[in-house]
Amino acid sequence: MPLPAPLRRALEPHADFAALPVPGPNDWLANHPEPGQSFADFVRWEPHGPVLPLEPLQTLAAAFFTLEVNVLPALDIAVSGITTRQNSHTHRRQLRHEQAIADL
């Protein structure tokens, strides 16, 4: 299904896009060095699965992306067998997404 012209324009690289500026002292990348990603890397990247919006975000996401958004049922992490760990910085539980998507 072809994309509408405005959406195609938003997703295609053009010479009229300026390079990102060097991060300022309060920007994430100034304090958390990351290797970055080229446009070619982004194009080669294959998403691991669908986005799982919460119901209150469904209308906003549909309006923003100008696409139909479906809310998927909640996944019970406790019985799913998904590998988890506790982040040593935030002390929040993290899920290993490759396994989570494979289990859907």
PDB file of N, CA and C in Angstrom:
ATOM      1  N   MET A   1       0.849  -1.177   0.000  1.00  0.00           N
ATOM      2  CA  MET A   1       0.000   0.000   0.000  1.00  0.00           C
ATOM      3  C   MET A   1       0.895   1.241   0.000  1.00  0.00           C
ATOM      4  N   PRO A   2       0.762   2.095  -0.994  1.00  0.00           N
ATOM      5  CA  PRO A   2       1.616   3.293  -1.042  1.00  0.00           C
ATOM      6  C   PRO A   2       1.258   4.282   0.069  1.00  0.00           C
ATOM      7  N   LEU A   3       2.284   4.952   0.572  1.00  0.00           N
ATOM      8  CA  LEU A   3       2.081   5.960   1.613  1.00  0.00           C
ATOM      9  C   LEU A   3       1.558   7.247   1.005  1.00  0.00           C
ATOM     10  N   PRO A   4       0.747   8.007   1.762  1.00  0.00           N
ATOM     11  CA  PRO A   4       0.318   9.324   1.287  1.00  0.00           C
ATOM     12  C   PRO A   4       1.544  10.225   1.105  1.00  0.00           C
ATOM     13  N   ALA A   5       1.457  11.164   0.169  1.00  0.00           N
ATOM     14  CA  ALA A   5       2.590  12.044  -0.162  1.00  0.00           C
ATOM     15  C   ALA A   5       3.191  12.739   1.068  1.00  0.00           C
ATOM     16  N   PRO A   6       2.392  13.316   1.987  1.00  0.00           N
ATOM     17  CA  PRO A   6       3.015  13.987   3.146  1.00  0.00           C
ATOM     18  C   PRO A   6       3.822  13.027   4.021  1.00  0.00           C
ATOM     19  N   LEU A   7       3.337  11.796   4.179  1.00  0.00           N
ATOM     20  CA  LEU A   7       4.053  10.822   5.001  1.00  0.00           C
ATOM     21  C   LEU A   7       5.309  10.349   4.278  1.00  0.00           C
ATOM     22  N   ARG A   8       5.218  10.122   2.958  1.00  0.00           N
ATOM     23  CA  ARG A   8       6.404   9.758   2.179  1.00  0.00           C
ATOM     24  C   ARG A   8       7.470  10.835   2.305  1.00  0.00           C
ATOM     25  N   ARG A   9       7.073  12.095   2.211  1.00  0.00           N
ATOM     26  CA  ARG A   9       8.007  13.226   2.313  1.00  0.00           C
ATOM     27  C   ARG A   9       8.694  13.237   3.674  1.00  0.00           C
ATOM     28  N   ALA A  10       7.948  12.915   4.733  1.00  0.00           N
ATOM     29  CA  ALA A  10       8.511  12.932   6.087  1.00  0.00           C
ATOM     30  C   ALA A  10       9.507  11.802   6.301  1.00  0.00           C
ATOM     31  N   LEU A  11       9.382  10.727   5.545  1.00  0.00           N
ATOM     32  CA  LEU A  11      10.223   9.556   5.763  1.00  0.00           C
ATOM     33  C   LEU A  11      11.382   9.418   4.777  1.00  0.00           C
ATOM     34  N   GLU A  12      11.442  10.277   3.774  1.00  0.00           N
ATOM     35  CA  GLU A  12      12.517  10.185   2.787  1.00  0.00           C
ATOM     36  C   GLU A  12      13.629  11.173   3.118  1.00  0.00           C
ATOM     37  N   PRO A  13      14.889  10.737   2.998  1.00  0.00           N
ATOM     38  CA  PRO A  13      15.996  11.670   3.246  1.00  0.00           C
ATOM     39  C   PRO A  13      16.139  12.650   2.079  1.00  0.00           C
ATOM     40  N   HIS A  14      16.331  13.892   2.373  1.00  0.00           N
ATOM     41  CA  HIS A  14      16.515  14.929   1.354  1.00  0.00           C
ATOM     42  C   HIS A  14      17.669  15.822   1.761  1.00  0.00           C
ATOM     43  N   ALA A  15      18.214  16.501   0.788  1.00  0.00           N
ATOM     44  CA  ALA A  15      19.350  17.398   1.034  1.00  0.00           C
ATOM     45  C   ALA A  15      18.949  18.600   1.890  1.00  0.00           C
ATOM     46  N   ASP A  16      17.649  18.847   2.057  1.00  0.00           N
ATOM     47  CA  ASP A  16      17.231  20.024   2.823  1.00  0.00           C
ATOM     48  C   ASP A  16      17.251  19.790   4.338  1.00  0.00           C
ATOM     49  N   PHE A  17      17.663  18.603   4.780  1.00  0.00           N
ATOM     50  CA  PHE A  17      17.791  18.353   6.205  1.00  0.00           C
ATOM     51  C   PHE A  17      19.199  18.719   6.653  1.00  0.00           C
ATOM     52  N   ALA A  18      19.313  19.514   7.697  1.00  0.00           N
ATOM     53  CA  ALA A  18      20.623  19.910   8.222  1.00  0.00           C
ATOM     54  C   ALA A  18      21.141  18.814   9.164  1.00  0.00           C
ATOM     55  N   ALA A  19      22.453  18.712   9.238  1.00  0.00           N
ATOM     56  CA  ALA A  19      23.066  17.765  10.168  1.00  0.00           C
ATOM     57  C   ALA A  19      22.744  18.193  11.601  1.00  0.00           C
ATOM     58  N   LEU A  20      22.685  17.228  12.497  1.00  0.00           N
ATOM     59  CA  LEU A  20      22.438  17.545  13.903  1.00  0.00           C
ATOM     60  C   LEU A  20      23.619  18.324  14.472  1.00  0.00           C
ATOM     61  N   PRO A  21      23.363  19.315  15.310  1.00  0.00           N
ATOM     62  CA  PRO A  21      24.460  20.075  15.911  1.00  0.00           C
ATOM     63  C   PRO A  21      25.200  19.237  16.957  1.00  0.00           C
ATOM     64  N   VAL A  22      26.373  19.674  17.316  1.00  0.00           N
ATOM     65  CA  VAL A  22      27.148  19.026  18.370  1.00  0.00           C
ATOM     66  C   VAL A  22      26.352  19.157  19.672  1.00  0.00           C
ATOM     67  N   PRO A  23      26.257  18.083  20.467  1.00  0.00           N
ATOM     68  CA  PRO A  23      25.476  18.164  21.706  1.00  0.00           C
ATOM     69  C   PRO A  23      25.997  19.242  22.653  1.00  0.00           C
ATOM     70  N   GLY A  24      25.064  19.960  23.290  1.00  0.00           N
ATOM     71  CA  GLY A  24      25.415  20.955  24.293  1.00  0.00           C
ATOM     72  C   GLY A  24      25.714  20.281  25.619  1.00  0.00           C
ATOM     73  N   PRO A  25      26.182  21.039  26.602  1.00  0.00           N
ATOM     74  CA  PRO A  25      26.603  20.449  27.882  1.00  0.00           C
ATOM     75  C   PRO A  25      25.485  19.723  28.634  1.00  0.00           C
ATOM     76  N   ASN A  26      24.229  20.066  28.381  1.00  0.00           N
ATOM     77  CA  ASN A  26      23.122  19.423  29.092  1.00  0.00           C
ATOM     78  C   ASN A  26      22.413  18.372  28.255  1.00  0.00           C
ATOM     79  N   ASP A  27      22.900  18.107  27.038  1.00  0.00           N
ATOM     80  CA  ASP A  27      22.270  17.119  26.169  1.00  0.00           C
ATOM     81  C   ASP A  27      22.681  15.704  26.567  1.00  0.00           C
ATOM     82  N   TRP A  28      21.818  14.758  26.263  1.00  0.00           N
ATOM     83  CA  TRP A  28      22.062  13.351  26.599  1.00  0.00           C
ATOM     84  C   TRP A  28      23.416  12.884  26.073  1.00  0.00           C
ATOM     85  N   LEU A  29      23.698  13.132  24.791  1.00  0.00           N
ATOM     86  CA  LEU A  29      24.922  12.600  24.191  1.00  0.00           C
ATOM     87  C   LEU A  29      26.192  13.248  24.738  1.00  0.00           C
ATOM     88  N   ALA A  30      26.094  14.424  25.318  1.00  0.00           N
ATOM     89  CA  ALA A  30      27.262  15.049  25.927  1.00  0.00           C
ATOM     90  C   ALA A  30      27.651  14.313  27.213  1.00  0.00           C
ATOM     91  N   ASN A  31      26.685  13.655  27.831  1.00  0.00           N
ATOM     92  CA  ASN A  31      26.908  12.976  29.104  1.00  0.00           C
ATOM     93  C   ASN A  31      26.867  11.457  29.006  1.00  0.00           C
ATOM     94  N   HIS A  32      26.370  10.946  27.895  1.00  0.00           N
ATOM     95  CA  HIS A  32      26.250   9.496  27.683  1.00  0.00           C
ATOM     96  C   HIS A  32      26.707   9.180  26.262  1.00  0.00           C
ATOM     97  N   PRO A  33      28.002   9.051  26.029  1.00  0.00           N
ATOM     98  CA  PRO A  33      28.502   8.794  24.672  1.00  0.00           C
ATOM     99  C   PRO A  33      27.890   7.526  24.072  1.00  0.00           C
ATOM    100  N   GLU A  34      27.429   7.635  22.846  1.00  0.00           N
ATOM    101  CA  GLU A  34      26.852   6.505  22.119  1.00  0.00           C
ATOM    102  C   GLU A  34      27.468   6.483  20.725  1.00  0.00           C
ATOM    103  N   PRO A  35      27.561   5.313  20.103  1.00  0.00           N
ATOM    104  CA  PRO A  35      28.225   5.221  18.807  1.00  0.00           C
ATOM    105  C   PRO A  35      27.466   5.895  17.671  1.00  0.00           C
ATOM    106  N   GLY A  36      26.186   6.121  17.819  1.00  0.00           N
ATOM    107  CA  GLY A  36      25.409   6.751  16.758  1.00  0.00           C
ATOM    108  C   GLY A  36      24.923   5.741  15.742  1.00  0.00           C
ATOM    109  N   GLN A  37      24.165   6.238  14.763  1.00  0.00           N
ATOM    110  CA  GLN A  37      23.571   5.387  13.747  1.00  0.00           C
ATOM    111  C   GLN A  37      23.460   6.192  12.467  1.00  0.00           C
ATOM    112  N   SER A  38      23.954   5.651  11.366  1.00  0.00           N
ATOM    113  CA  SER A  38      23.826   6.326  10.078  1.00  0.00           C
ATOM    114  C   SER A  38      22.423   6.093   9.524  1.00  0.00           C
ATOM    115  N   PHE A  39      22.059   6.860   8.518  1.00  0.00           N
ATOM    116  CA  PHE A  39      20.750   6.653   7.887  1.00  0.00           C
ATOM    117  C   PHE A  39      20.703   5.266   7.254  1.00  0.00           C
ATOM    118  N   ALA A  40      21.815   4.836   6.642  1.00  0.00           N
ATOM    119  CA  ALA A  40      21.872   3.508   6.032  1.00  0.00           C
ATOM    120  C   ALA A  40      21.662   2.417   7.089  1.00  0.00           C
ATOM    121  N   ASP A  41      22.249   2.596   8.283  1.00  0.00           N
ATOM    122  CA  ASP A  41      22.038   1.638   9.376  1.00  0.00           C
ATOM    123  C   ASP A  41      20.571   1.600   9.773  1.00  0.00           C
ATOM    124  N   PHE A  42      19.954   2.777   9.849  1.00  0.00           N
ATOM    125  CA  PHE A  42      18.536   2.860  10.206  1.00  0.00           C
ATOM    126  C   PHE A  42      17.677   2.122   9.181  1.00  0.00           C
ATOM    127  N   VAL A  43      17.980   2.317   7.898  1.00  0.00           N
ATOM    128  CA  VAL A  43      17.200   1.673   6.845  1.00  0.00           C
ATOM    129  C   VAL A  43      17.350   0.152   6.917  1.00  0.00           C
ATOM    130  N   ARG A  44      18.553  -0.331   7.230  1.00  0.00           N
ATOM    131  CA  ARG A  44      18.802  -1.780   7.332  1.00  0.00           C
ATOM    132  C   ARG A  44      18.183  -2.395   8.583  1.00  0.00           C
ATOM    133  N   TRP A  45      17.933  -1.574   9.616  1.00  0.00           N
ATOM    134  CA  TRP A  45      17.389  -2.069  10.871  1.00  0.00           C
ATOM    135  C   TRP A  45      16.000  -2.632  10.649  1.00  0.00           C
ATOM    136  N   GLU A  46      15.742  -3.785  11.217  1.00  0.00           N
ATOM    137  CA  GLU A  46      14.427  -4.395  11.126  1.00  0.00           C
ATOM    138  C   GLU A  46      13.810  -4.401  12.518  1.00  0.00           C
ATOM    139  N   PRO A  47      12.663  -3.751  12.693  1.00  0.00           N
ATOM    140  CA  PRO A  47      12.031  -3.745  14.017  1.00  0.00           C
ATOM    141  C   PRO A  47      11.766  -5.174  14.484  1.00  0.00           C
ATOM    142  N   HIS A  48      11.850  -5.376  15.777  1.00  0.00           N
ATOM    143  CA  HIS A  48      11.666  -6.710  16.344  1.00  0.00           C
ATOM    144  C   HIS A  48      10.202  -7.051  16.568  1.00  0.00           C
ATOM    145  N   GLY A  49       9.318  -6.105  16.382  1.00  0.00           N
ATOM    146  CA  GLY A  49       7.914  -6.406  16.597  1.00  0.00           C
ATOM    147  C   GLY A  49       7.081  -5.143  16.663  1.00  0.00           C
ATOM    148  N   PRO A  50       5.805  -5.279  16.945  1.00  0.00           N
ATOM    149  CA  PRO A  50       4.898  -4.130  16.957  1.00  0.00           C
ATOM    150  C   PRO A  50       5.100  -3.236  18.175  1.00  0.00           C
ATOM    151  N   VAL A  51       4.699  -1.982  18.019  1.00  0.00           N
ATOM    152  CA  VAL A  51       4.677  -1.065  19.156  1.00  0.00           C
ATOM    153  C   VAL A  51       3.443  -1.410  19.972  1.00  0.00           C
ATOM    154  N   LEU A  52       3.569  -1.398  21.293  1.00  0.00           N
ATOM    155  CA  LEU A  52       2.463  -1.784  22.156  1.00  0.00           C
ATOM    156  C   LEU A  52       1.937  -0.576  22.930  1.00  0.00           C
ATOM    157  N   PRO A  53       1.116   0.273  22.298  1.00  0.00           N
ATOM    158  CA  PRO A  53       0.647   1.476  23.000  1.00  0.00           C
ATOM    159  C   PRO A  53      -0.384   1.161  24.073  1.00  0.00           C
ATOM    160  N   LEU A  54      -0.410   1.994  25.087  1.00  0.00           N
ATOM    161  CA  LEU A  54      -1.456   1.906  26.101  1.00  0.00           C
ATOM    162  C   LEU A  54      -2.702   2.558  25.537  1.00  0.00           C
ATOM    163  N   GLU A  55      -3.853   2.141  26.014  1.00  0.00           N
ATOM    164  CA  GLU A  55      -5.115   2.648  25.461  1.00  0.00           C
ATOM    165  C   GLU A  55      -5.225   4.172  25.441  1.00  0.00           C
ATOM    166  N   PRO A  56      -4.819   4.894  26.508  1.00  0.00           N
ATOM    167  CA  PRO A  56      -4.937   6.357  26.448  1.00  0.00           C
ATOM    168  C   PRO A  56      -4.091   6.991  25.345  1.00  0.00           C
ATOM    169  N   LEU A  57      -3.080   6.276  24.850  1.00  0.00           N
ATOM    170  CA  LEU A  57      -2.216   6.815  23.799  1.00  0.00           C
ATOM    171  C   LEU A  57      -2.682   6.448  22.398  1.00  0.00           C
ATOM    172  N   GLN A  58      -3.683   5.604  22.293  1.00  0.00           N
ATOM    173  CA  GLN A  58      -4.131   5.130  20.989  1.00  0.00           C
ATOM    174  C   GLN A  58      -4.562   6.281  20.073  1.00  0.00           C
ATOM    175  N   THR A  59      -5.380   7.175  20.577  1.00  0.00           N
ATOM    176  CA  THR A  59      -5.862   8.281  19.759  1.00  0.00           C
ATOM    177  C   THR A  59      -4.729   9.205  19.360  1.00  0.00           C
ATOM    178  N   LEU A  60      -3.851   9.518  20.303  1.00  0.00           N
ATOM    179  CA  LEU A  60      -2.712  10.383  20.010  1.00  0.00           C
ATOM    180  C   LEU A  60      -1.791   9.752  18.961  1.00  0.00           C
ATOM    181  N   ALA A  61      -1.482   8.472  19.130  1.00  0.00           N
ATOM    182  CA  ALA A  61      -0.601   7.790  18.178  1.00  0.00           C
ATOM    183  C   ALA A  61      -1.240   7.724  16.795  1.00  0.00           C
ATOM    184  N   ALA A  62      -2.529   7.452  16.735  1.00  0.00           N
ATOM    185  CA  ALA A  62      -3.219   7.397  15.443  1.00  0.00           C
ATOM    186  C   ALA A  62      -3.192   8.757  14.758  1.00  0.00           C
ATOM    187  N   ALA A  63      -3.407   9.825  15.516  1.00  0.00           N
ATOM    188  CA  ALA A  63      -3.369  11.168  14.932  1.00  0.00           C
ATOM    189  C   ALA A  63      -1.959  11.548  14.502  1.00  0.00           C
ATOM    190  N   PHE A  64      -0.964  11.221  15.298  1.00  0.00           N
ATOM    191  CA  PHE A  64       0.416  11.585  14.993  1.00  0.00           C
ATOM    192  C   PHE A  64       0.923  10.864  13.747  1.00  0.00           C
ATOM    193  N   PHE A  65       0.667   9.560  13.663  1.00  0.00           N
ATOM    194  CA  PHE A  65       1.177   8.765  12.547  1.00  0.00           C
ATOM    195  C   PHE A  65       0.213   8.721  11.364  1.00  0.00           C
ATOM    196  N   THR A  66      -0.990   9.278  11.546  1.00  0.00           N
ATOM    197  CA  THR A  66      -2.057   9.227  10.543  1.00  0.00           C
ATOM    198  C   THR A  66      -2.277   7.796  10.050  1.00  0.00           C
ATOM    199  N   LEU A  67      -2.271   6.873  11.003  1.00  0.00           N
ATOM    200  CA  LEU A  67      -2.488   5.454  10.721  1.00  0.00           C
ATOM    201  C   LEU A  67      -3.412   4.879  11.785  1.00  0.00           C
ATOM    202  N   GLU A  68      -4.059   3.769  11.453  1.00  0.00           N
ATOM    203  CA  GLU A  68      -4.866   3.082  12.451  1.00  0.00           C
ATOM    204  C   GLU A  68      -3.937   2.455  13.492  1.00  0.00           C
ATOM    205  N   VAL A  69      -4.291   2.582  14.752  1.00  0.00           N
ATOM    206  CA  VAL A  69      -3.487   2.020  15.843  1.00  0.00           C
ATOM    207  C   VAL A  69      -4.343   1.018  16.603  1.00  0.00           C
ATOM    208  N   ASN A  70      -3.827  -0.187  16.739  1.00  0.00           N
ATOM    209  CA  ASN A  70      -4.529  -1.223  17.484  1.00  0.00           C
ATOM    210  C   ASN A  70      -3.844  -1.425  18.825  1.00  0.00           C
ATOM    211  N   VAL A  71      -4.651  -1.514  19.884  1.00  0.00           N
ATOM    212  CA  VAL A  71      -4.124  -1.777  21.218  1.00  0.00           C
ATOM    213  C   VAL A  71      -4.104  -3.287  21.421  1.00  0.00           C
ATOM    214  N   LEU A  72      -2.925  -3.816  21.706  1.00  0.00           N
ATOM    215  CA  LEU A  72      -2.780  -5.254  21.921  1.00  0.00           C
ATOM    216  C   LEU A  72      -3.075  -5.588  23.378  1.00  0.00           C
ATOM    217  N   PRO A  73      -3.475  -6.815  23.650  1.00  0.00           N
ATOM    218  CA  PRO A  73      -3.746  -7.192  25.043  1.00  0.00           C
ATOM    219  C   PRO A  73      -2.459  -7.188  25.861  1.00  0.00           C
ATOM    220  N   ALA A  74      -2.612  -6.971  27.154  1.00  0.00           N
ATOM    221  CA  ALA A  74      -1.464  -6.959  28.060  1.00  0.00           C
ATOM    222  C   ALA A  74      -0.839  -8.343  28.124  1.00  0.00           C
ATOM    223  N   LEU A  75       0.467  -8.357  28.292  1.00  0.00           N
ATOM    224  CA  LEU A  75       1.208  -9.603  28.419  1.00  0.00           C
ATOM    225  C   LEU A  75       1.541  -9.810  29.891  1.00  0.00           C
ATOM    226  N   ASP A  76       1.202 -10.962  30.433  1.00  0.00           N
ATOM    227  CA  ASP A  76       1.509 -11.262  31.832  1.00  0.00           C
ATOM    228  C   ASP A  76       2.966 -11.698  31.914  1.00  0.00           C
ATOM    229  N   ILE A  77       3.837 -10.789  32.340  1.00  0.00           N
ATOM    230  CA  ILE A  77       5.276 -11.034  32.388  1.00  0.00           C
ATOM    231  C   ILE A  77       5.593 -12.199  33.327  1.00  0.00           C
ATOM    232  N   ALA A  78       4.861 -12.316  34.426  1.00  0.00           N
ATOM    233  CA  ALA A  78       5.159 -13.334  35.441  1.00  0.00           C
ATOM    234  C   ALA A  78       5.059 -14.755  34.892  1.00  0.00           C
ATOM    235  N   VAL A  79       4.154 -14.992  33.958  1.00  0.00           N
ATOM    236  CA  VAL A  79       3.973 -16.352  33.439  1.00  0.00           C
ATOM    237  C   VAL A  79       4.480 -16.508  32.005  1.00  0.00           C
ATOM    238  N   SER A  80       5.078 -15.473  31.465  1.00  0.00           N
ATOM    239  CA  SER A  80       5.493 -15.499  30.060  1.00  0.00           C
ATOM    240  C   SER A  80       6.825 -16.188  29.818  1.00  0.00           C
ATOM    241  N   GLY A  81       7.653 -16.312  30.856  1.00  0.00           N
ATOM    242  CA  GLY A  81       8.978 -16.888  30.674  1.00  0.00           C
ATOM    243  C   GLY A  81       9.989 -15.895  30.123  1.00  0.00           C
ATOM    244  N   ILE A  82       9.622 -14.629  30.059  1.00  0.00           N
ATOM    245  CA  ILE A  82      10.517 -13.590  29.546  1.00  0.00           C
ATOM    246  C   ILE A  82      11.631 -13.330  30.555  1.00  0.00           C
ATOM    247  N   THR A  83      12.850 -13.205  30.066  1.00  0.00           N
ATOM    248  CA  THR A  83      13.992 -12.931  30.923  1.00  0.00           C
ATOM    249  C   THR A  83      13.951 -11.477  31.384  1.00  0.00           C
ATOM    250  N   THR A  84      14.154 -11.259  32.678  1.00  0.00           N
ATOM    251  CA  THR A  84      14.173  -9.903  33.218  1.00  0.00           C
ATOM    252  C   THR A  84      15.454  -9.698  34.021  1.00  0.00           C
ATOM    253  N   ARG A  85      15.759  -8.436  34.289  1.00  0.00           N
ATOM    254  CA  ARG A  85      16.878  -8.093  35.170  1.00  0.00           C
ATOM    255  C   ARG A  85      16.548  -6.753  35.817  1.00  0.00           C
ATOM    256  N   GLN A  86      17.258  -6.432  36.882  1.00  0.00           N
ATOM    257  CA  GLN A  86      17.082  -5.149  37.543  1.00  0.00           C
ATOM    258  C   GLN A  86      18.206  -4.224  37.101  1.00  0.00           C
ATOM    259  N   ASN A  87      17.845  -3.039  36.614  1.00  0.00           N
ATOM    260  CA  ASN A  87      18.830  -2.054  36.197  1.00  0.00           C
ATOM    261  C   ASN A  87      19.580  -1.568  37.424  1.00  0.00           C
ATOM    262  N   SER A  88      20.918  -1.640  37.385  1.00  0.00           N
ATOM    263  CA  SER A  88      21.711  -1.277  38.560  1.00  0.00           C
ATOM    264  C   SER A  88      21.677   0.221  38.854  1.00  0.00           C
ATOM    265  N   HIS A  89      21.333   1.044  37.862  1.00  0.00           N
ATOM    266  CA  HIS A  89      21.246   2.491  38.072  1.00  0.00           C
ATOM    267  C   HIS A  89      19.874   2.913  38.590  1.00  0.00           C
ATOM    268  N   THR A  90      18.823   2.478  37.867  1.00  0.00           N
ATOM    269  CA  THR A  90      17.466   2.925  38.202  1.00  0.00           C
ATOM    270  C   THR A  90      16.753   1.978  39.146  1.00  0.00           C
ATOM    271  N   HIS A  91      17.275   0.748  39.281  1.00  0.00           N
ATOM    272  CA  HIS A  91      16.663  -0.301  40.094  1.00  0.00           C
ATOM    273  C   HIS A  91      15.289  -0.700  39.571  1.00  0.00           C
ATOM    274  N   ARG A  92      15.050  -0.435  38.283  1.00  0.00           N
ATOM    275  CA  ARG A  92      13.793  -0.843  37.660  1.00  0.00           C
ATOM    276  C   ARG A  92      13.999  -2.148  36.904  1.00  0.00           C
ATOM    277  N   ARG A  93      12.931  -2.912  36.784  1.00  0.00           N
ATOM    278  CA  ARG A  93      12.997  -4.170  36.048  1.00  0.00           C
ATOM    279  C   ARG A  93      13.073  -3.880  34.547  1.00  0.00           C
ATOM    280  N   GLN A  94      13.925  -4.614  33.843  1.00  0.00           N
ATOM    281  CA  GLN A  94      14.036  -4.511  32.396  1.00  0.00           C
ATOM    282  C   GLN A  94      13.719  -5.873  31.789  1.00  0.00           C
ATOM    283  N   LEU A  95      13.138  -5.841  30.591  1.00  0.00           N
ATOM    284  CA  LEU A  95      12.793  -7.062  29.891  1.00  0.00           C
ATOM    285  C   LEU A  95      13.743  -7.263  28.723  1.00  0.00           C
ATOM    286  N   ARG A  96      14.067  -8.486  28.423  1.00  0.00           N
ATOM    287  CA  ARG A  96      14.873  -8.771  27.240  1.00  0.00           C
ATOM    288  C   ARG A  96      13.932  -8.858  26.047  1.00  0.00           C
ATOM    289  N   HIS A  97      13.922  -7.798  25.233  1.00  0.00           N
ATOM    290  CA  HIS A  97      12.897  -7.642  24.212  1.00  0.00           C
ATOM    291  C   HIS A  97      12.913  -8.701  23.123  1.00  0.00           C
ATOM    292  N   GLU A  98      14.050  -9.253  22.732  1.00  0.00           N
ATOM    293  CA  GLU A  98      14.070 -10.265  21.675  1.00  0.00           C
ATOM    294  C   GLU A  98      13.185 -11.449  22.075  1.00  0.00           C
ATOM    295  N   GLN A  99      13.318 -11.851  23.316  1.00  0.00           N
ATOM    296  CA  GLN A  99      12.524 -12.973  23.802  1.00  0.00           C
ATOM    297  C   GLN A  99      11.062 -12.562  23.945  1.00  0.00           C
ATOM    298  N   ALA A 100      10.829 -11.346  24.407  1.00  0.00           N
ATOM    299  CA  ALA A 100       9.445 -10.878  24.594  1.00  0.00           C
ATOM    300  C   ALA A 100       8.696 -10.888  23.272  1.00  0.00           C
ATOM    301  N   ILE A 101       9.322 -10.396  22.218  1.00  0.00           N
ATOM    302  CA  ILE A 101       8.659 -10.345  20.921  1.00  0.00           C
ATOM    303  C   ILE A 101       8.463 -11.756  20.363  1.00  0.00           C
ATOM    304  N   ALA A 102       9.450 -12.624  20.543  1.00  0.00           N
ATOM    305  CA  ALA A 102       9.337 -13.999  20.056  1.00  0.00           C
ATOM    306  C   ALA A 102       8.194 -14.737  20.749  1.00  0.00           C
ATOM    307  N   ASP A 103       7.915 -14.358  21.999  1.00  0.00           N
ATOM    308  CA  ASP A 103       6.874 -15.029  22.764  1.00  0.00           C
ATOM    309  C   ASP A 103       5.471 -14.512  22.465  1.00  0.00           C
ATOM    310  N   LEU A 104       5.336 -13.405  21.728  1.00  0.00           N
ATOM    311  CA  LEU A 104       4.004 -12.843  21.481  1.00  0.00           C
ATOM    312  C   LEU A 104       3.168 -13.728  20.595  1.00  0.00           C
TER     313      LEU A 104
END
